[in-house]
Protein backbone atom coordinates (compact mmCIF):
# COMPACT_ATOMS: atom_id res chain seq x y z
CA UNK A 1 -0.99 -46.54 -7.59
CA UNK A 2 2.07 -45.40 -6.17
CA UNK A 3 3.50 -43.84 -9.08
CA UNK A 4 0.01 -42.02 -8.98
CA UNK A 5 0.24 -40.66 -5.33
CA UNK A 6 3.96 -40.20 -5.93
CA UNK A 7 3.15 -37.96 -8.72
CA UNK A 8 0.50 -36.28 -6.85
CA UNK A 9 2.99 -35.14 -4.21
CA UNK A 10 5.16 -33.82 -6.62
CA UNK A 11 2.11 -31.38 -8.81
CA UNK A 12 1.75 -30.35 -4.85
CA UNK A 13 5.06 -30.12 -3.60
CA UNK A 14 5.79 -27.86 -6.89
CA UNK A 15 2.77 -25.74 -6.85
CA UNK A 16 3.18 -24.92 -2.93
CA UNK A 17 6.64 -23.82 -3.75
CA UNK A 18 5.27 -21.42 -6.75
CA UNK A 19 3.12 -20.16 -4.64
CA UNK A 20 5.46 -19.48 -1.10
CA UNK A 21 7.97 -18.29 -4.26
CA UNK A 22 4.55 -15.88 -5.84
CA UNK A 23 4.31 -14.53 -2.58
CA UNK A 24 7.55 -13.65 -1.93
CA UNK A 25 7.66 -10.87 -4.40
CA UNK A 26 4.87 -10.13 -3.89
CA UNK A 27 5.83 -8.81 -0.64
CA UNK A 28 8.80 -7.69 -2.16
CA UNK A 29 6.18 -5.42 -4.87
CA UNK A 30 4.30 -4.54 -1.98
CA UNK A 31 7.17 -3.06 -0.11
CA UNK A 32 8.57 -1.50 -3.24
CA UNK A 33 6.29 1.16 -3.62
CA UNK A 34 5.56 1.83 0.28
CA UNK A 35 9.04 2.25 0.02
CA UNK A 36 8.87 4.70 -2.97
CA UNK A 37 5.83 6.32 -1.67
CA UNK A 38 7.94 7.06 1.40
CA UNK A 39 10.85 8.52 -1.19
CA UNK A 40 8.49 10.38 -3.39
CA UNK A 41 7.53 12.24 -0.12
CA UNK A 42 10.49 13.14 1.57
CA UNK A 43 11.18 14.79 -2.01
CA UNK A 44 8.32 16.82 -1.67
CA UNK A 45 6.43 15.11 -4.81
CA UNK A 46 2.87 13.95 -4.17
CA UNK A 47 2.08 12.89 -7.82
CA UNK A 48 5.24 10.53 -7.43
CA UNK A 49 3.53 9.17 -4.50
CA UNK A 50 0.77 9.12 -5.93
CA UNK A 51 1.54 6.78 -8.20
CA UNK A 52 1.27 3.47 -5.41
CA UNK A 53 -2.77 3.99 -6.33
CA UNK A 54 -4.92 2.68 -8.62
CA UNK A 55 -5.67 5.58 -11.23
CA UNK A 56 -9.48 4.87 -11.14
CA UNK A 57 -12.50 7.18 -10.40
CA UNK A 58 -13.12 3.60 -8.46
CA UNK A 59 -10.45 4.48 -5.32
CA UNK A 60 -11.18 5.12 -2.56
CA UNK A 61 -9.64 7.09 0.46
CA UNK A 62 -11.07 6.99 3.96
CA UNK A 63 -9.77 10.02 6.63
CA UNK A 64 -10.76 12.34 9.03
CA UNK A 65 -13.06 14.08 6.76
CA UNK A 66 -14.73 11.07 5.11
CA UNK A 67 -14.85 9.04 2.42
CA UNK A 68 -12.98 10.17 -1.00
CA UNK A 69 -13.30 8.35 -4.64
CA UNK A 70 -10.86 8.75 -7.12
CA UNK A 71 -7.59 9.38 -8.52
CA UNK A 72 -8.11 13.11 -9.28
CA UNK A 73 -9.97 13.94 -6.04
CA UNK A 74 -7.48 11.74 -3.68
CA UNK A 75 -4.43 13.78 -5.07
CA UNK A 76 -5.92 17.11 -4.80
CA UNK A 77 -6.96 16.21 -1.17
CA UNK A 78 -3.32 15.44 -0.86
CA UNK A 79 -2.37 18.69 -2.65
CA UNK A 80 -4.99 20.76 -0.31
CA UNK A 81 -3.77 19.14 3.00
CA UNK A 82 0.20 19.52 1.91
CA UNK A 83 0.12 22.51 0.36
CA UNK A 84 4.49 22.89 0.19
CA UNK A 85 7.30 20.66 2.15
CA UNK A 86 6.66 22.26 5.49
CA UNK A 87 3.44 20.41 5.66
CA UNK A 88 4.70 17.24 3.83
CA UNK A 89 7.63 17.45 6.44
CA UNK A 90 9.47 13.66 6.64
CA UNK A 91 7.37 10.21 5.90
CA UNK A 92 8.35 6.81 7.98
CA UNK A 93 5.53 4.00 7.55
CA UNK A 94 6.36 1.31 9.73
CA UNK A 95 4.28 -1.89 8.75
CA UNK A 96 2.37 -3.99 11.44
CA UNK A 97 0.86 -6.67 9.43
CA UNK A 98 0.60 -7.68 6.15
CA UNK A 99 -1.52 -10.08 4.96
CA UNK A 100 -2.30 -12.59 1.85
CA UNK A 101 -6.17 -12.05 0.83
CA UNK A 102 -6.29 -13.92 -2.61
CA UNK A 103 -3.98 -13.73 -5.59
CA UNK A 104 -4.46 -10.33 -6.35
CA UNK A 105 -5.31 -8.92 -2.94
CA UNK A 106 -3.14 -8.08 0.09
CA UNK A 107 -4.29 -5.85 3.35
CA UNK A 108 -1.78 -4.28 4.85
CA UNK A 109 -1.88 -2.45 8.50
CA UNK A 110 1.22 0.17 9.47
CA UNK A 111 1.34 3.16 11.41
CA UNK A 112 2.62 6.37 9.76
CA UNK A 113 4.53 8.91 10.75
CA UNK A 114 5.48 13.00 9.74
CA UNK A 115 8.16 14.72 11.02
CA UNK A 116 7.52 18.49 10.53
CA UNK A 117 8.42 22.05 10.39
CA UNK A 118 4.80 22.97 11.42
CA UNK A 119 4.50 19.83 14.03
CA UNK A 120 5.00 16.57 14.19
CA UNK A 121 1.90 13.83 13.24
CA UNK A 122 1.46 10.50 12.84
CA UNK A 123 -1.50 7.75 13.04
CA UNK A 124 -2.28 4.21 11.34
CA UNK A 125 -3.32 3.06 7.74
CA UNK A 126 -5.05 -0.06 6.32
CA UNK A 127 -4.74 -0.41 2.64
CA UNK A 128 -5.99 -3.19 0.61
CA UNK A 129 -3.52 -4.04 -2.34
CA UNK A 130 -4.51 -5.58 -5.67
CA UNK A 131 -3.01 -6.63 -8.35
CA UNK A 132 -3.91 -4.98 -11.68
CA UNK A 133 -2.94 -6.00 -14.96
CA UNK A 134 -0.15 -7.25 -13.90
CA UNK A 135 0.89 -4.61 -11.22
CA UNK A 136 0.31 -4.44 -7.33
CA UNK A 137 -1.62 -1.34 -6.54
CA UNK A 138 -3.03 0.29 -3.67
CA UNK A 139 -6.99 0.77 -4.39
CA UNK A 140 -8.38 1.50 -0.59
CA UNK A 141 -6.90 3.56 1.65
CA UNK A 142 -7.93 3.90 5.10
CA UNK A 143 -6.06 6.58 7.07
CA UNK A 144 -6.24 8.63 10.72
CA UNK A 145 -4.49 10.72 12.60
CA UNK A 146 -3.95 10.07 16.49
CA UNK A 147 -5.43 12.56 18.68
CA UNK A 148 -2.41 14.51 20.30
């Protein structure tokens, strides 16, 4: 009986350690996506920026003009809204919270800011990350601009 109890404690301990390790790896992978998006944006490369998103017709983007479905539609929306470097400016993200919902899902809340020649803007975002085919991707993005 004692052996079984000790074995169970060891198995649970290993499971918790592995889960915690995966959580750290997941958080690092998600942070790397956000860092890459900033880098791409600041180089004026919207296509590269969009690599963090799920390349699917089911991608959901919610902004001031409503809901947009689909990767291509989201990419087209970004290109219309930010046609050149003057409109894109320099992007900064600040992560407010990152919450694990499941082994394959994280919810992020953050702030964004664009320092631009045509006037600075900023706002907040919520992102839903899912692990698809071993890669973390943004599947839902709700971004809002703060009123000036």
